[in-house]
Amino acid sequence: MPDVLARSLLDKAVMGSDGTELGTLSTVTLDSETGQLHDLVITPRNEAEGQIDLERDDEGRYTVPIGSVQAVKDHIVVGR
């Protein structure tokens, strides 16, 4: 996958590989010592919130491991 600037990803729509719209990218977590990326943090869409079985943070946002990213174009596509 080619390099993408992080700022171009914020507020980008995130979908599952099954076509489910998950929400919008809120932030990306990383290890501050190594710089290694860990998780996408996604603000859920209201209508999808109760139907999606993903891990959540303390604020109710989805957390998806960075290794699940399959594509970054008009949407960010993550494996489900």
C-alpha atoms as a PDB file:
ATOM      1  CA  MET A   1       0.000   0.000   0.000  1.00  0.00           C
ATOM      2  CA  PRO A   2       1.458   3.424  -0.892  1.00  0.00           C
ATOM      3  CA  ASP A   3       2.251   6.011   1.797  1.00  0.00           C
ATOM      4  CA  VAL A   4      -0.664   8.218   2.894  1.00  0.00           C
ATOM      5  CA  LEU A   5      -0.410  11.351   5.048  1.00  0.00           C
ATOM      6  CA  ALA A   6      -2.173  10.849   8.378  1.00  0.00           C
ATOM      7  CA  ARG A   7      -3.955  14.206   8.221  1.00  0.00           C
ATOM      8  CA  SER A   8      -5.651  13.154   4.966  1.00  0.00           C
ATOM      9  CA  LEU A   9      -7.223  10.203   6.800  1.00  0.00           C
ATOM     10  CA  LEU A  10      -8.949  12.057   9.643  1.00  0.00           C
ATOM     11  CA  ASP A  11     -12.733  12.186   9.240  1.00  0.00           C
ATOM     12  CA  LYS A  12     -12.531   9.732   6.319  1.00  0.00           C
ATOM     13  CA  ALA A  13     -15.360   7.191   6.132  1.00  0.00           C
ATOM     14  CA  VAL A  14     -14.471   3.664   7.267  1.00  0.00           C
ATOM     15  CA  MET A  15     -16.165   0.544   5.872  1.00  0.00           C
ATOM     16  CA  GLY A  16     -15.850  -3.129   6.599  1.00  0.00           C
ATOM     17  CA  SER A  17     -14.745  -5.458   3.814  1.00  0.00           C
ATOM     18  CA  ASP A  18     -18.328  -6.741   3.836  1.00  0.00           C
ATOM     19  CA  GLY A  19     -19.591  -3.271   2.804  1.00  0.00           C
ATOM     20  CA  THR A  20     -20.846  -2.227   6.245  1.00  0.00           C
ATOM     21  CA  GLU A  21     -20.314   1.489   6.900  1.00  0.00           C
ATOM     22  CA  LEU A  22     -18.676   1.654  10.323  1.00  0.00           C
ATOM     23  CA  GLY A  23     -18.232   5.401  10.839  1.00  0.00           C
ATOM     24  CA  THR A  24     -15.486   7.995  10.463  1.00  0.00           C
ATOM     25  CA  LEU A  25     -11.844   7.839  11.475  1.00  0.00           C
ATOM     26  CA  SER A  26     -11.316   9.799  14.669  1.00  0.00           C
ATOM     27  CA  THR A  27      -7.626   9.118  15.338  1.00  0.00           C
ATOM     28  CA  VAL A  28      -4.882   6.514  15.102  1.00  0.00           C
ATOM     29  CA  THR A  29      -3.111   5.163  18.188  1.00  0.00           C
ATOM     30  CA  LEU A  30       0.626   4.527  18.198  1.00  0.00           C
ATOM     31  CA  ASP A  31       3.504   3.559  20.438  1.00  0.00           C
ATOM     32  CA  SER A  32       5.202   6.861  21.300  1.00  0.00           C
ATOM     33  CA  GLU A  33       8.594   5.195  21.782  1.00  0.00           C
ATOM     34  CA  THR A  34       8.751   3.189  18.554  1.00  0.00           C
ATOM     35  CA  GLY A  35       6.292   5.104  16.371  1.00  0.00           C
ATOM     36  CA  GLN A  36       4.559   1.834  15.500  1.00  0.00           C
ATOM     37  CA  LEU A  37       0.884   2.308  14.623  1.00  0.00           C
ATOM     38  CA  HIS A  38      -1.602   0.244  16.657  1.00  0.00           C
ATOM     39  CA  ASP A  39      -5.299   0.947  16.063  1.00  0.00           C
ATOM     40  CA  LEU A  40      -7.731   3.010  14.049  1.00  0.00           C
ATOM     41  CA  VAL A  41     -10.208   4.713  16.379  1.00  0.00           C
ATOM     42  CA  ILE A  42     -13.559   5.106  14.621  1.00  0.00           C
ATOM     43  CA  THR A  43     -16.533   7.235  15.631  1.00  0.00           C
ATOM     44  CA  PRO A  44     -19.517   4.949  14.901  1.00  0.00           C
ATOM     45  CA  ARG A  45     -22.420   5.869  12.661  1.00  0.00           C
ATOM     46  CA  ASN A  46     -25.531   6.203  14.817  1.00  0.00           C
ATOM     47  CA  GLU A  47     -27.647   3.747  12.827  1.00  0.00           C
ATOM     48  CA  ALA A  48     -24.920   1.078  12.790  1.00  0.00           C
ATOM     49  CA  GLU A  49     -23.902   1.343  16.430  1.00  0.00           C
ATOM     50  CA  GLY A  50     -25.844  -1.596  17.866  1.00  0.00           C
ATOM     51  CA  GLN A  51     -25.271  -3.931  14.919  1.00  0.00           C
ATOM     52  CA  ILE A  52     -21.480  -4.108  14.790  1.00  0.00           C
ATOM     53  CA  ASP A  53     -19.394  -6.390  16.979  1.00  0.00           C
ATOM     54  CA  LEU A  54     -16.040  -4.606  17.303  1.00  0.00           C
ATOM     55  CA  GLU A  55     -13.925  -3.701  20.315  1.00  0.00           C
ATOM     56  CA  ARG A  56     -14.625  -0.254  21.755  1.00  0.00           C
ATOM     57  CA  ASP A  57     -12.669   2.272  23.777  1.00  0.00           C
ATOM     58  CA  ASP A  58     -13.917   4.039  26.929  1.00  0.00           C
ATOM     59  CA  GLU A  59     -15.738   6.613  24.780  1.00  0.00           C
ATOM     60  CA  GLY A  60     -17.661   3.997  22.780  1.00  0.00           C
ATOM     61  CA  ARG A  61     -15.575   4.382  19.627  1.00  0.00           C
ATOM     62  CA  TYR A  62     -14.539   1.293  17.654  1.00  0.00           C
ATOM     63  CA  THR A  63     -10.888   0.246  17.788  1.00  0.00           C
ATOM     64  CA  VAL A  64      -9.588  -1.724  14.812  1.00  0.00           C
ATOM     65  CA  PRO A  65      -6.003  -3.031  14.579  1.00  0.00           C
ATOM     66  CA  ILE A  66      -3.960  -1.220  11.928  1.00  0.00           C
ATOM     67  CA  GLY A  67      -3.165  -4.606  10.362  1.00  0.00           C
ATOM     68  CA  SER A  68      -6.831  -4.936   9.382  1.00  0.00           C
ATOM     69  CA  VAL A  69      -6.608  -2.040   6.895  1.00  0.00           C
ATOM     70  CA  GLN A  70      -7.095  -3.436   3.390  1.00  0.00           C
ATOM     71  CA  ALA A  71      -7.387  -0.265   1.286  1.00  0.00           C
ATOM     72  CA  VAL A  72      -7.336   3.521   1.550  1.00  0.00           C
ATOM     73  CA  LYS A  73      -9.118   5.384  -1.244  1.00  0.00           C
ATOM     74  CA  ASP A  74     -12.442   7.205  -0.994  1.00  0.00           C
ATOM     75  CA  HIS A  75     -13.058   5.086   2.123  1.00  0.00           C
ATOM     76  CA  ILE A  76     -10.777   3.236   4.486  1.00  0.00           C
ATOM     77  CA  VAL A  77     -11.613  -0.465   4.116  1.00  0.00           C
ATOM     78  CA  VAL A  78     -10.917  -2.783   7.052  1.00  0.00           C
ATOM     79  CA  GLY A  79     -11.219  -6.560   7.270  1.00  0.00           C
ATOM     80  CA  ARG A  80     -14.138  -7.889   9.272  1.00  0.00           C
END
